[in-house]
Amino acid sequence: MMKENTDVINFLVKPNSSENEIVGLHDEFIKIKINATPEKGKANQKLITYLSEILQISKKDIQIIYGEFSNIKKIKFKNKSKDEIFSILKNKIKTT
């Protein structure tokens, strides 16, 4: 039986942005902009949806385990390694 891979990654989230965007990597944080308000979990849901689309994994494989009401979040990912996630998100960083 294959062992389920779970990794936790730190995110710094800026809600109320004009668009969803990976801004960059800062120390152990991935900085990300989300175009939703931080009310009633809207920004958290948009963040999970956006990450699932980028990483091509199910939304149920993404779980906010810390920071539900904060812009600093710890997010647990199932079935994708931290290295894979960082690699994919690095390639999505907008360069102007």
Protein backbone atom coordinates (compact mmCIF):
# COMPACT_ATOMS: atom_id res chain seq x y z
CA MET A 1 0.00 0.00 0.00
CA MET A 2 1.36 3.43 -0.96
CA LYS A 3 2.01 5.85 1.88
CA GLU A 4 0.00 9.05 1.64
CA ASN A 5 2.27 12.08 1.33
CA THR A 6 1.35 15.13 3.43
CA ASP A 7 3.40 18.30 3.59
CA VAL A 8 2.75 21.63 5.32
CA ILE A 9 3.68 24.92 3.65
CA ASN A 10 3.52 28.46 5.04
CA PHE A 11 1.67 31.12 3.07
CA LEU A 12 1.43 34.87 3.43
CA VAL A 13 -1.93 35.81 1.92
CA LYS A 14 -3.07 39.25 0.79
CA PRO A 15 -6.86 39.30 0.30
CA ASN A 16 -8.82 42.05 -1.52
CA SER A 17 -6.36 41.97 -4.42
CA SER A 18 -7.27 42.77 -8.00
CA GLU A 19 -6.40 39.22 -9.11
CA ASN A 20 -5.23 35.85 -7.86
CA GLU A 21 -1.47 35.77 -8.16
CA ILE A 22 1.64 34.08 -6.78
CA VAL A 23 3.82 37.03 -5.76
CA GLY A 24 6.98 35.32 -4.63
CA LEU A 25 8.87 33.24 -2.13
CA HIS A 26 10.00 34.92 1.08
CA ASP A 27 12.04 32.75 3.47
CA GLU A 28 9.72 29.84 4.29
CA PHE A 29 6.61 31.65 3.03
CA ILE A 30 4.91 31.70 -0.32
CA LYS A 31 3.35 35.12 -0.82
CA ILE A 32 0.06 35.03 -2.67
CA LYS A 33 -2.65 37.55 -3.60
CA ILE A 34 -6.31 36.53 -3.60
CA ASN A 35 -9.17 38.49 -5.16
CA ALA A 36 -11.72 37.84 -2.41
CA THR A 37 -12.66 39.56 0.80
CA PRO A 38 -11.61 38.03 4.12
CA GLU A 39 -15.24 37.72 5.22
CA LYS A 40 -17.05 34.51 6.09
CA GLY A 41 -14.18 32.40 4.78
CA LYS A 42 -14.45 33.72 1.21
CA ALA A 43 -10.72 34.41 0.84
CA ASN A 44 -9.84 31.00 2.33
CA GLN A 45 -12.15 29.22 -0.10
CA LYS A 46 -10.78 31.21 -3.05
CA LEU A 47 -7.23 30.41 -1.90
CA ILE A 48 -7.97 26.67 -1.78
CA THR A 49 -9.68 26.78 -5.18
CA TYR A 50 -6.82 28.73 -6.73
CA LEU A 51 -4.16 26.40 -5.30
CA SER A 52 -6.08 23.30 -6.43
CA GLU A 53 -6.24 24.68 -9.99
CA ILE A 54 -2.54 25.59 -10.11
CA LEU A 55 -1.33 22.37 -8.49
CA GLN A 56 -3.90 20.19 -10.29
CA ILE A 57 -5.02 18.46 -7.11
CA SER A 58 -8.41 18.08 -5.48
CA LYS A 59 -9.62 20.81 -3.12
CA LYS A 60 -10.11 18.12 -0.48
CA ASP A 61 -6.33 17.47 -0.59
CA ILE A 62 -5.71 21.04 0.63
CA GLN A 63 -6.42 21.98 4.24
CA ILE A 64 -5.73 25.19 6.18
CA ILE A 65 -4.43 23.90 9.51
CA TYR A 66 -3.42 27.25 11.00
CA GLY A 67 -4.37 30.88 10.35
CA GLU A 68 -8.00 30.59 9.33
CA PHE A 69 -8.51 34.19 10.52
CA SER A 70 -5.00 35.47 9.73
CA ASN A 71 -3.02 36.38 6.63
CA ILE A 72 -0.31 33.94 7.77
CA LYS A 73 -1.48 30.39 7.05
CA LYS A 74 -0.11 26.89 7.34
CA ILE A 75 -1.62 24.72 4.65
CA LYS A 76 -1.41 20.93 4.52
CA PHE A 77 -1.25 19.26 1.12
CA LYS A 78 -1.89 15.60 0.46
CA ASN A 79 -0.30 13.63 -2.37
CA LYS A 80 2.16 16.32 -3.53
CA SER A 81 5.55 16.91 -1.95
CA LYS A 82 6.74 20.26 -0.69
CA ASP A 83 9.43 20.25 -3.41
CA GLU A 84 6.84 19.63 -6.15
CA ILE A 85 4.59 22.39 -4.82
CA PHE A 86 7.44 24.92 -4.52
CA SER A 87 8.60 24.07 -8.04
CA ILE A 88 5.13 24.56 -9.55
CA LEU A 89 4.46 27.79 -7.63
CA LYS A 90 7.90 29.24 -8.48
CA ASN A 91 7.01 28.84 -12.15
CA LYS A 92 3.77 30.76 -11.59
CA ILE A 93 5.41 33.85 -10.05
CA LYS A 94 4.51 36.90 -12.08
CA THR A 95 7.50 38.81 -13.35
CA THR A 96 6.87 42.31 -14.59
